[in-house]
Amino acid sequence: MRASRVRTMLKALTERGCEVRSLTCIYRDYPTSTTLPWEDFPELKISRPAPNVVYAEDGKLCTSLIATQERDLSRLGGADLSFIIEALKYHLRAFSPDVVLGSDIDNVSEMLRREVRLAGLPYVYVLMTSLNRAYEFADCAMVVTASRTTAYGLNAAGARVVTAGPFIKKDEILVSERRPTYVTLINSSFSKGLSVFVRLALVCHRERVPVRFLVVQTRGRFFQVIKALRWSDGSPLDISARDLPNVEVVDNPGDLRSIFAMTRVLLMPSLWNEDGGHYAIEAIMNGIPVVCTDSGGLPEAIAGAGLTVELPRACMEDMTLMPTFEDIRLWYDALHEALTRDFTAEIAHAQAVNALEKSTERLMNALTELLDSHLY
């Protein structure tokens, strides 16, 4: 997911007249691996100038992919490390960039940032997830985030922090024809609010509400995973597919357009601090309202194109705990409103707020100001 957002960002910069060269690594046993990162993009022009180098022309974006011998990043040997560093030095000499952007904080990336700084160039860290917020970014001139929520409380150690917004190209996620049917949950994990989803589906079934639910399972099998859920008294949930006839389960298709084509409302009762709400924004781009938690970056992401609901504190402290009937009533009422209310105006507003052009403009302005200031 993060790689696709970075790719969208870099391609957007090329459309604004920037010359962009991308350098990345393939941590796998290439060329013996059967799955390669460019196979999902048949439009790429691929060449192999060296046995462990793949060159990809992605429209105006040119990418060099370095294939390491070691699959595990933490165990890269001297030969791999030396080749990666030499590849970076070659790019710095050959292309003479004004600024270098990166999006990793592992030990290899730290070595690469050091080389960038030794070359006298500013390094801009692109923070696409809140998972890396604890890093101090002391060796970065600027940190770019996708949301104000991610930027809030960031320990940037003097680096300028800029919120550019999401980098989502509407044309690439837009559904050509929709048949909205389901209330959908993407990712059947506890942190994404699985307990809230299951409790809501149970209540709707019990009260004979004619709503169909869809869960896109990504980590584990849905009806196996929910066996770990339990009631407030500690007893196991102990339900099966027969108890949830209003729930259908599908595997993650990779391309979520087929899911959005069937979705009436996207449900995101996330129990952890989401950063940019990527799925929520993609749903909104397809005209789908979102019902989500009122914390983290989700309220910012939906920008009014749906409803935010308070989460039960007990469920946030224990993600395997089922909400009580009183707790789930707020979600039940919000879902009913989302299914019956016209969100056309709110969705149009949210689409404008999250437009790729606006994110690109903010990033371009921030990079221009950084280079003009010479404060790096």
Protein backbone atom coordinates (compact mmCIF):
# COMPACT_ATOMS: atom_id res chain seq x y z
CA MET A 1 0.00 0.00 0.00
CA ARG A 2 2.71 2.48 1.00
CA ALA A 3 4.70 1.73 -2.17
CA SER A 4 1.69 2.48 -4.37
CA ARG A 5 1.17 5.84 -2.64
CA VAL A 6 4.83 6.76 -3.08
CA ARG A 7 4.62 5.80 -6.76
CA THR A 8 1.53 8.00 -7.20
CA MET A 9 3.32 10.88 -5.49
CA LEU A 10 6.45 10.58 -7.66
CA LYS A 11 4.43 10.32 -10.87
CA ALA A 12 2.44 13.39 -9.84
CA LEU A 13 5.70 15.31 -9.42
CA THR A 14 6.78 14.32 -12.93
CA GLU A 15 3.49 15.66 -14.29
CA ARG A 16 4.33 18.99 -12.65
CA GLY A 17 7.59 19.15 -14.62
CA CYS A 18 9.97 17.62 -12.08
CA GLU A 19 12.60 15.17 -13.29
CA VAL A 20 12.39 12.21 -10.93
CA ARG A 21 14.68 9.20 -10.63
CA SER A 22 13.69 6.43 -8.22
CA LEU A 23 16.04 3.93 -6.58
CA THR A 24 14.65 1.00 -4.62
CA CYS A 25 15.59 -2.51 -3.55
CA ILE A 26 13.98 -5.89 -4.07
CA TYR A 27 14.58 -7.90 -0.90
CA ARG A 28 14.09 -11.28 -2.48
CA ASP A 29 16.02 -14.04 -4.24
CA TYR A 30 15.70 -12.49 -7.68
CA PRO A 31 15.80 -13.80 -10.37
CA THR A 32 14.61 -17.15 -8.98
CA SER A 33 11.51 -15.60 -7.34
CA THR A 34 8.26 -16.30 -9.16
CA THR A 35 6.54 -13.06 -8.11
CA LEU A 36 8.12 -9.77 -9.08
CA PRO A 37 7.01 -6.25 -8.13
CA TRP A 38 6.47 -4.98 -11.67
CA GLU A 39 4.17 -7.80 -12.78
CA ASP A 40 1.14 -5.85 -11.50
CA PHE A 41 2.03 -2.99 -13.87
CA PRO A 42 2.09 -4.35 -17.43
CA GLU A 43 2.48 -0.81 -18.80
CA LEU A 44 6.06 -0.63 -17.49
CA LYS A 45 8.95 -0.91 -19.93
CA ILE A 46 11.44 -3.28 -18.31
CA SER A 47 15.12 -3.72 -19.10
CA ARG A 48 17.97 -5.46 -17.24
CA PRO A 49 21.25 -3.58 -17.65
CA ALA A 50 22.97 -5.90 -15.11
CA PRO A 51 22.19 -9.29 -13.53
CA ASN A 52 21.00 -7.72 -10.27
CA VAL A 53 19.55 -4.48 -11.65
CA VAL A 54 16.13 -3.95 -13.19
CA TYR A 55 15.33 -0.65 -14.92
CA ALA A 56 11.67 0.29 -15.22
CA GLU A 57 10.24 3.14 -17.29
CA ASP A 58 6.94 4.12 -15.72
CA GLY A 59 5.79 6.89 -18.00
CA LYS A 60 7.97 9.87 -17.09
CA LEU A 61 9.14 8.14 -13.90
CA CYS A 62 12.29 6.03 -14.20
CA THR A 63 13.10 3.50 -11.47
CA SER A 64 16.20 1.38 -10.82
CA LEU A 65 15.47 -1.72 -8.76
CA ILE A 66 18.41 -3.35 -7.00
CA ALA A 67 17.95 -7.07 -6.40
CA THR A 68 19.73 -8.19 -3.23
CA GLN A 69 21.03 -11.69 -2.63
CA GLU A 70 19.56 -11.80 0.86
CA ARG A 71 15.80 -11.99 1.36
CA ASP A 72 15.87 -10.75 4.97
CA LEU A 73 16.63 -7.02 5.14
CA SER A 74 18.15 -7.28 8.62
CA ARG A 75 20.71 -9.81 7.36
CA LEU A 76 22.04 -8.04 4.28
CA GLY A 77 25.71 -8.85 3.76
CA GLY A 78 28.60 -6.63 2.82
CA ALA A 79 28.27 -7.27 -0.90
CA ASP A 80 24.61 -6.25 -0.95
CA LEU A 81 25.22 -3.16 1.19
CA SER A 82 28.18 -2.02 -0.89
CA PHE A 83 26.25 -2.41 -4.12
CA ILE A 84 23.27 -0.43 -2.78
CA ILE A 85 25.48 2.42 -1.59
CA GLU A 86 27.38 2.51 -4.88
CA ALA A 87 24.08 2.58 -6.76
CA LEU A 88 23.00 5.63 -4.73
CA LYS A 89 26.34 7.37 -5.32
CA TYR A 90 26.02 6.70 -9.04
CA HIS A 91 22.52 8.25 -9.09
CA LEU A 92 23.74 11.30 -7.17
CA ARG A 93 26.60 11.81 -9.64
CA ALA A 94 24.68 11.00 -12.81
CA PHE A 95 21.50 12.96 -12.13
CA SER A 96 22.69 15.76 -9.77
CA PRO A 97 19.39 15.98 -7.84
CA ASP A 98 18.35 19.10 -5.91
CA VAL A 99 16.64 17.08 -3.18
CA VAL A 100 16.35 13.41 -2.16
CA LEU A 101 13.11 11.88 -0.85
CA GLY A 102 12.89 8.61 1.08
CA SER A 103 10.35 6.61 3.05
CA ASP A 104 12.20 4.06 5.20
CA ILE A 105 14.04 4.28 8.54
CA ASP A 106 15.83 0.91 8.62
CA ASN A 107 19.60 0.62 9.00
CA VAL A 108 20.19 0.51 5.25
CA SER A 109 18.16 3.68 4.74
CA GLU A 110 20.11 5.37 7.54
CA MET A 111 23.34 4.63 5.67
CA LEU A 112 21.85 6.05 2.48
CA ARG A 113 20.69 9.21 4.25
CA ARG A 114 24.24 9.70 5.52
CA GLU A 115 25.55 9.55 1.96
CA VAL A 116 22.94 12.11 0.88
CA ARG A 117 23.95 14.47 3.66
CA LEU A 118 27.65 14.04 2.88
CA ALA A 119 26.82 15.08 -0.68
CA GLY A 120 25.40 18.33 0.72
CA LEU A 121 21.82 17.55 -0.32
CA PRO A 122 18.60 17.91 1.72
CA TYR A 123 16.84 14.68 2.65
CA VAL A 124 13.04 14.74 2.87
CA TYR A 125 11.33 11.87 4.68
CA VAL A 126 7.90 10.93 3.31
CA LEU A 127 5.91 9.56 6.24
CA MET A 128 3.03 7.52 4.81
CA THR A 129 2.18 5.69 8.04
CA SER A 130 1.98 6.54 11.74
CA LEU A 131 4.08 3.46 12.58
CA ASN A 132 7.31 5.47 12.18
CA ARG A 133 6.26 8.46 14.28
CA ALA A 134 8.63 7.54 17.13
CA TYR A 135 11.66 8.19 14.93
CA GLU A 136 13.33 11.56 15.59
CA PHE A 137 14.17 12.43 11.94
CA ALA A 138 17.29 14.25 13.12
CA ASP A 139 19.04 13.66 9.78
CA CYS A 140 16.13 14.99 7.70
CA ALA A 141 15.56 18.53 6.44
CA MET A 142 11.81 18.02 6.19
CA VAL A 143 9.13 15.43 7.00
CA VAL A 144 6.07 15.14 4.76
CA THR A 145 2.93 13.51 6.20
CA ALA A 146 -0.36 12.42 4.67
CA SER A 147 -2.48 13.85 7.49
CA ARG A 148 -2.38 16.41 10.28
CA THR A 149 -3.07 13.55 12.68
CA THR A 150 0.20 11.87 11.74
CA ALA A 151 2.05 15.18 12.00
CA TYR A 152 0.62 15.92 15.45
CA GLY A 153 3.12 15.17 18.21
CA LEU A 154 5.80 14.15 15.71
CA ASN A 155 9.27 14.25 17.24
CA ALA A 156 10.95 15.84 14.23
CA ALA A 157 14.06 17.14 16.06
CA GLY A 158 14.12 20.42 14.20
CA ALA A 159 13.01 19.14 10.81
CA ARG A 160 10.18 21.06 9.20
CA VAL A 161 6.91 19.07 9.16
CA VAL A 162 4.52 19.54 6.23
CA THR A 163 1.13 17.86 5.71
CA ALA A 164 0.72 17.35 1.98
CA GLY A 165 -2.31 15.08 2.13
CA PRO A 166 -3.07 11.74 0.50
CA PHE A 167 -1.65 10.81 -2.88
CA ILE A 168 -4.47 8.90 -4.54
CA LYS A 169 -5.09 9.05 -8.26
CA LYS A 170 -8.83 8.92 -8.72
CA ASP A 171 -8.68 7.43 -12.22
CA GLU A 172 -6.80 4.38 -10.90
CA ILE A 173 -9.38 3.47 -8.23
CA LEU A 174 -12.62 4.66 -9.83
CA VAL A 175 -15.28 2.01 -10.48
CA SER A 176 -16.90 2.16 -13.92
CA GLU A 177 -20.23 0.70 -12.79
CA ARG A 178 -21.53 0.29 -9.25
CA ARG A 179 -24.18 -2.04 -7.80
CA PRO A 180 -24.15 -0.94 -4.14
CA THR A 181 -25.31 -3.79 -1.95
CA TYR A 182 -23.13 -4.28 1.15
CA VAL A 183 -21.93 -2.62 4.31
CA THR A 184 -18.26 -3.45 3.94
CA LEU A 185 -15.34 -4.01 6.31
CA ILE A 186 -11.89 -4.22 4.71
CA ASN A 187 -9.36 -6.22 6.74
CA SER A 188 -10.71 -8.76 9.22
CA SER A 189 -8.24 -8.03 12.02
CA PHE A 190 -8.95 -7.04 15.60
CA SER A 191 -7.28 -3.63 15.27
CA LYS A 192 -9.65 -2.70 12.43
CA GLY A 193 -12.67 -3.10 14.71
CA LEU A 194 -13.64 -6.69 13.99
CA SER A 195 -15.56 -6.93 17.28
CA VAL A 196 -17.68 -3.88 16.39
CA PHE A 197 -18.40 -5.28 12.93
CA VAL A 198 -19.48 -8.69 14.28
CA ARG A 199 -21.65 -7.19 17.03
CA LEU A 200 -23.32 -4.85 14.54
CA ALA A 201 -24.04 -7.71 12.15
CA LEU A 202 -25.48 -9.81 15.00
CA VAL A 203 -27.79 -6.99 16.11
CA CYS A 204 -29.00 -6.35 12.56
CA HIS A 205 -29.72 -10.06 12.10
CA ARG A 206 -31.55 -10.29 15.42
CA GLU A 207 -33.70 -7.26 14.65
CA ARG A 208 -34.26 -8.50 11.08
CA VAL A 209 -32.80 -5.38 9.49
CA PRO A 210 -32.47 -6.06 5.73
CA VAL A 211 -28.79 -5.13 5.54
CA ARG A 212 -26.12 -7.32 3.99
CA PHE A 213 -22.57 -7.18 5.27
CA LEU A 214 -19.34 -7.97 3.45
CA VAL A 215 -15.96 -8.59 5.06
CA VAL A 216 -12.75 -8.62 3.03
CA GLN A 217 -10.50 -11.03 4.88
CA THR A 218 -6.83 -10.20 4.70
CA ARG A 219 -5.21 -11.75 7.77
CA GLY A 220 -6.58 -15.15 8.68
CA ARG A 221 -9.94 -16.68 7.88
CA PHE A 222 -12.81 -14.60 9.19
CA PHE A 223 -14.80 -17.35 10.93
CA GLN A 224 -11.61 -18.71 12.50
CA VAL A 225 -10.42 -15.30 13.69
CA ILE A 226 -13.70 -14.36 15.39
CA LYS A 227 -13.40 -17.42 17.65
CA ALA A 228 -10.96 -15.35 19.73
CA LEU A 229 -13.65 -12.74 20.45
CA ARG A 230 -15.35 -12.88 23.83
CA TRP A 231 -18.22 -11.31 25.74
CA SER A 232 -17.76 -8.88 28.63
CA ASP A 233 -18.09 -11.73 31.17
CA GLY A 234 -15.13 -13.51 29.60
CA SER A 235 -17.13 -16.24 27.85
CA PRO A 236 -16.18 -17.05 24.25
CA LEU A 237 -18.28 -15.71 21.39
CA ASP A 238 -18.97 -19.24 20.10
CA ILE A 239 -20.71 -18.43 16.81
CA SER A 240 -20.41 -19.78 13.30
CA ALA A 241 -21.51 -18.83 9.80
CA ARG A 242 -25.06 -20.02 10.64
CA ASP A 243 -25.33 -17.25 13.23
CA LEU A 244 -24.32 -14.60 10.68
CA PRO A 245 -26.35 -15.36 7.54
CA ASN A 246 -26.24 -11.65 6.67
CA VAL A 247 -22.43 -11.68 6.37
CA GLU A 248 -20.55 -12.69 3.26
CA VAL A 249 -16.79 -13.20 3.23
CA VAL A 250 -14.37 -12.69 0.34
CA ASP A 251 -10.61 -12.79 0.01
CA ASN A 252 -8.74 -9.57 -0.67
CA PRO A 253 -8.71 -9.24 -4.48
CA GLY A 254 -5.76 -6.83 -4.42
CA ASP A 255 -7.56 -4.36 -6.65
CA LEU A 256 -10.39 -3.12 -4.44
CA ARG A 257 -12.47 -1.67 -7.25
CA SER A 258 -14.52 -4.86 -7.37
CA ILE A 259 -15.25 -4.39 -3.65
CA PHE A 260 -16.18 -0.73 -3.98
CA ALA A 261 -18.50 -1.63 -6.85
CA MET A 262 -20.61 -3.66 -4.37
CA THR A 263 -20.37 -1.34 -1.36
CA ARG A 264 -23.17 0.93 -0.10
CA VAL A 265 -21.38 2.06 3.06
CA LEU A 266 -17.78 1.49 4.14
CA LEU A 267 -17.49 0.62 7.82
CA MET A 268 -14.19 1.54 9.55
CA PRO A 269 -14.51 1.07 13.34
CA SER A 270 -10.74 1.01 13.75
CA LEU A 271 -9.54 0.43 17.31
CA TRP A 272 -6.10 1.88 16.75
CA ASN A 273 -4.81 5.29 15.67
CA GLU A 274 -5.25 5.30 11.90
CA ASP A 275 -3.12 7.81 10.04
CA GLY A 276 -4.55 8.78 6.66
CA GLY A 277 -7.53 6.49 6.10
CA HIS A 278 -6.50 5.37 2.61
CA TYR A 279 -9.43 2.98 2.11
CA ALA A 280 -11.87 5.63 3.33
CA ILE A 281 -10.63 8.14 0.77
CA GLU A 282 -10.77 5.56 -2.04
CA ALA A 283 -14.35 4.75 -1.06
CA ILE A 284 -15.30 8.43 -1.06
CA MET A 285 -13.74 8.86 -4.49
CA ASN A 286 -16.26 6.22 -5.60
CA GLY A 287 -19.18 8.05 -4.02
CA ILE A 288 -19.43 5.80 -0.96
CA PRO A 289 -20.14 7.29 2.48
CA VAL A 290 -18.04 6.09 5.41
CA VAL A 291 -18.99 5.29 8.99
CA CYS A 292 -15.82 5.38 11.07
CA THR A 293 -14.33 5.93 14.49
CA ASP A 294 -14.06 9.51 15.74
CA SER A 295 -10.36 9.24 16.61
CA GLY A 296 -7.09 9.16 14.67
CA GLY A 297 -6.92 10.38 11.10
CA LEU A 298 -10.24 8.98 9.88
CA PRO A 299 -12.41 12.06 10.63
CA GLU A 300 -9.87 14.19 8.75
CA ALA A 301 -9.82 11.72 5.85
CA ILE A 302 -13.58 11.53 5.29
CA ALA A 303 -13.95 15.32 5.56
CA GLY A 304 -17.66 15.07 6.35
CA ALA A 305 -18.49 12.40 3.75
CA GLY A 306 -20.02 10.09 6.30
CA LEU A 307 -20.37 9.82 10.07
CA THR A 308 -17.94 9.45 12.96
CA VAL A 309 -18.85 7.41 16.02
CA GLU A 310 -17.27 7.08 19.44
CA LEU A 311 -15.66 3.74 20.17
CA PRO A 312 -16.29 1.78 23.38
CA ARG A 313 -13.24 2.42 25.61
CA ALA A 314 -13.27 -1.18 26.86
CA CYS A 315 -12.91 -2.44 23.27
CA MET A 316 -10.00 -0.08 22.64
CA GLU A 317 -8.23 -1.46 25.70
CA ASP A 318 -9.01 -5.07 24.74
CA MET A 319 -9.57 -5.52 20.99
CA THR A 320 -11.00 -9.03 21.46
CA LEU A 321 -13.83 -7.78 23.66
CA MET A 322 -17.32 -7.61 22.15
CA PRO A 323 -19.17 -4.30 22.58
CA THR A 324 -22.26 -4.30 24.76
CA PHE A 325 -25.68 -3.68 23.22
CA GLU A 326 -25.60 -0.13 24.64
CA ASP A 327 -22.17 0.46 23.09
CA ILE A 328 -23.20 -0.75 19.66
CA ARG A 329 -26.39 1.32 19.57
CA LEU A 330 -24.46 4.43 18.45
CA TRP A 331 -22.99 2.47 15.53
CA TYR A 332 -26.38 0.97 14.69
CA ASP A 333 -27.98 4.43 14.53
CA ALA A 334 -25.09 5.85 12.48
CA LEU A 335 -25.26 2.97 10.02
CA HIS A 336 -29.01 3.49 9.58
CA GLU A 337 -28.42 7.18 8.85
CA ALA A 338 -25.61 6.43 6.39
CA LEU A 339 -27.87 4.00 4.50
CA THR A 340 -30.79 6.44 4.24
CA ARG A 341 -29.22 9.91 4.02
CA ASP A 342 -28.07 11.62 0.83
CA PHE A 343 -24.34 12.45 1.14
CA THR A 344 -23.89 13.76 -2.40
CA ALA A 345 -22.80 17.26 -1.39
CA GLU A 346 -20.53 16.05 1.42
CA ILE A 347 -18.87 13.48 -0.85
CA ALA A 348 -18.19 16.11 -3.52
CA HIS A 349 -16.56 18.32 -0.88
CA ALA A 350 -14.42 15.46 0.47
CA GLN A 351 -13.32 14.50 -3.04
CA ALA A 352 -12.12 18.07 -3.61
CA VAL A 353 -10.30 18.18 -0.25
CA ASN A 354 -8.46 14.92 -1.00
CA ALA A 355 -7.74 15.62 -4.68
CA LEU A 356 -4.32 14.53 -5.92
CA GLU A 357 -3.75 17.96 -7.45
CA LYS A 358 -4.06 19.64 -4.05
CA SER A 359 -1.65 17.20 -2.37
CA THR A 360 0.86 17.69 -5.17
CA GLU A 361 0.55 21.48 -4.97
CA ARG A 362 1.23 21.45 -1.23
CA LEU A 363 4.25 19.19 -1.68
CA MET A 364 5.64 21.27 -4.55
CA ASN A 365 5.31 24.47 -2.50
CA ALA A 366 7.05 22.87 0.49
CA LEU A 367 9.95 21.56 -1.61
CA THR A 368 10.36 24.93 -3.34
CA GLU A 369 10.46 26.77 -0.02
CA LEU A 370 13.01 24.29 1.35
CA LEU A 371 15.34 24.71 -1.60
CA ASP A 372 14.95 28.49 -1.65
CA SER A 373 15.73 28.74 2.08
CA HIS A 374 19.06 26.82 1.85
CA LEU A 375 18.41 25.82 5.48
CA TYR A 376 19.67 22.27 5.20
